[in-house]
Protein backbone atom coordinates (compact mmCIF):
# COMPACT_ATOMS: atom_id res chain seq x y z
CA MET A 1 7.89 -0.83 18.10
CA SER A 2 7.44 -0.15 14.39
CA ILE A 3 5.24 -2.33 12.23
CA VAL A 4 5.46 -3.16 8.55
CA VAL A 5 2.30 -3.72 6.56
CA ILE A 6 2.58 -5.36 3.15
CA ASN A 7 -0.32 -5.40 0.74
CA ALA A 8 0.28 -8.15 -1.85
CA LEU A 9 -1.61 -7.13 -4.99
CA SER A 10 -2.55 -9.60 -7.71
CA ILE A 11 -2.31 -7.70 -10.98
CA PRO A 12 -3.82 -9.27 -14.11
CA GLY A 13 -1.97 -9.41 -17.42
CA GLU A 14 -0.16 -6.26 -18.42
CA ALA A 15 -1.76 -3.96 -15.81
CA GLY A 16 1.52 -3.44 -13.92
CA PRO A 17 2.42 -0.16 -15.67
CA GLU A 18 -1.02 1.29 -14.84
CA LEU A 19 -0.61 0.32 -11.18
CA GLU A 20 2.83 1.97 -11.09
CA LYS A 21 1.44 5.10 -12.76
CA ARG A 22 -1.32 5.41 -10.16
CA PHE A 23 1.09 4.99 -7.25
CA ALA A 24 3.50 7.52 -8.77
CA ALA A 25 0.67 10.06 -9.03
CA ARG A 26 0.07 9.90 -5.28
CA LYS A 27 3.60 9.09 -4.17
CA HIS A 28 3.79 11.57 -1.29
CA SER A 29 0.12 11.59 -0.29
CA VAL A 30 0.78 9.65 2.93
CA ASP A 31 4.06 11.34 3.96
CA GLN A 32 2.48 13.66 6.56
CA GLU A 33 0.27 11.04 8.21
CA PRO A 34 0.95 10.54 11.94
CA GLY A 35 3.29 7.61 12.51
CA PHE A 36 4.15 7.05 8.84
CA GLU A 37 7.78 5.98 8.47
CA GLY A 38 8.19 4.80 4.88
CA PHE A 39 6.76 3.35 1.68
CA GLN A 40 7.98 1.24 -1.23
CA LEU A 41 6.22 -0.31 -4.22
CA LEU A 42 7.94 -3.59 -5.08
CA ARG A 43 7.64 -4.92 -8.66
CA PRO A 44 7.77 -8.71 -9.13
CA VAL A 45 10.84 -10.00 -10.94
CA ASN A 46 11.44 -13.69 -10.27
CA GLY A 47 9.29 -16.31 -8.56
CA GLU A 48 6.38 -13.99 -7.77
CA ASP A 49 3.72 -12.30 -9.88
CA ARG A 50 2.22 -9.99 -7.24
CA TYR A 51 3.25 -6.42 -6.50
CA PHE A 52 4.02 -5.68 -2.85
CA VAL A 53 3.07 -2.35 -1.31
CA TYR A 54 5.39 -2.02 1.70
CA THR A 55 4.61 0.57 4.38
CA GLN A 56 6.21 1.12 7.77
CA TRP A 57 4.39 2.73 10.70
CA ALA A 58 5.39 3.75 14.22
CA THR A 59 2.43 1.85 15.71
CA ARG A 60 -0.42 -0.40 14.62
CA ASP A 61 -2.84 2.33 15.73
CA ASP A 62 -1.17 4.79 13.34
CA PHE A 63 -1.71 2.37 10.47
CA GLU A 64 -5.31 1.64 11.47
CA ASN A 65 -6.12 5.35 11.77
CA TRP A 66 -4.69 6.03 8.30
CA ARG A 67 -6.48 3.03 6.79
CA ASN A 68 -9.84 4.09 8.25
CA LYS A 69 -9.33 7.67 7.07
CA ARG A 70 -8.27 6.50 3.60
CA SER A 71 -11.26 4.17 3.30
CA GLU A 72 -13.69 6.98 4.11
CA ALA A 73 -12.01 9.31 1.60
CA ALA A 74 -12.01 6.67 -1.13
CA HIS A 75 -15.74 6.15 -0.77
CA ALA A 76 -16.43 9.90 -0.69
CA HIS A 77 -14.36 10.73 -3.82
CA ASN A 78 -14.88 8.07 -6.44
CA ASP A 79 -12.64 9.13 -9.34
CA GLY A 80 -14.29 6.72 -11.77
CA LYS A 81 -11.22 4.52 -12.23
CA LYS A 82 -11.67 0.78 -11.95
CA PRO A 83 -9.29 -1.07 -9.59
CA VAL A 84 -6.15 -2.44 -11.24
CA ALA A 85 -5.70 -5.32 -8.77
CA SER A 86 -7.81 -8.45 -9.01
CA GLY A 87 -7.04 -9.41 -5.42
CA ALA A 88 -5.06 -8.38 -2.36
CA ASP A 89 -3.64 -10.00 0.78
CA LEU A 90 -2.63 -7.90 3.77
CA MET A 91 0.36 -9.03 5.84
CA GLU A 92 1.62 -7.40 9.02
CA PHE A 93 4.97 -7.71 10.79
CA GLU A 94 6.68 -6.20 13.81
CA VAL A 95 10.14 -4.78 13.21
CA VAL A 96 12.63 -6.67 15.37
CA GLU A 97 15.14 -4.34 16.98
CA LEU A 98 18.48 -6.18 16.98
């Protein structure tokens, strides 16, 4: 059963364009990861001020393996850029097959 993981990012002030630029620069970096099924960056329009990073994975283990790998890489290769987000909430859902 696929899972969807949504990272809700609180972005201060006018930092949205910088966030979008950073995601665009690494748009396909996760495409070849085992179990990865899809990605979308959702910009807030009405009633919400957070960006949502939507990813879909074949299994929870696939997501966890990618997250652990990504965390290690991020700490090993600090590119000197400060985070754009001032906060983040991780949400996880199972995809209901109807």
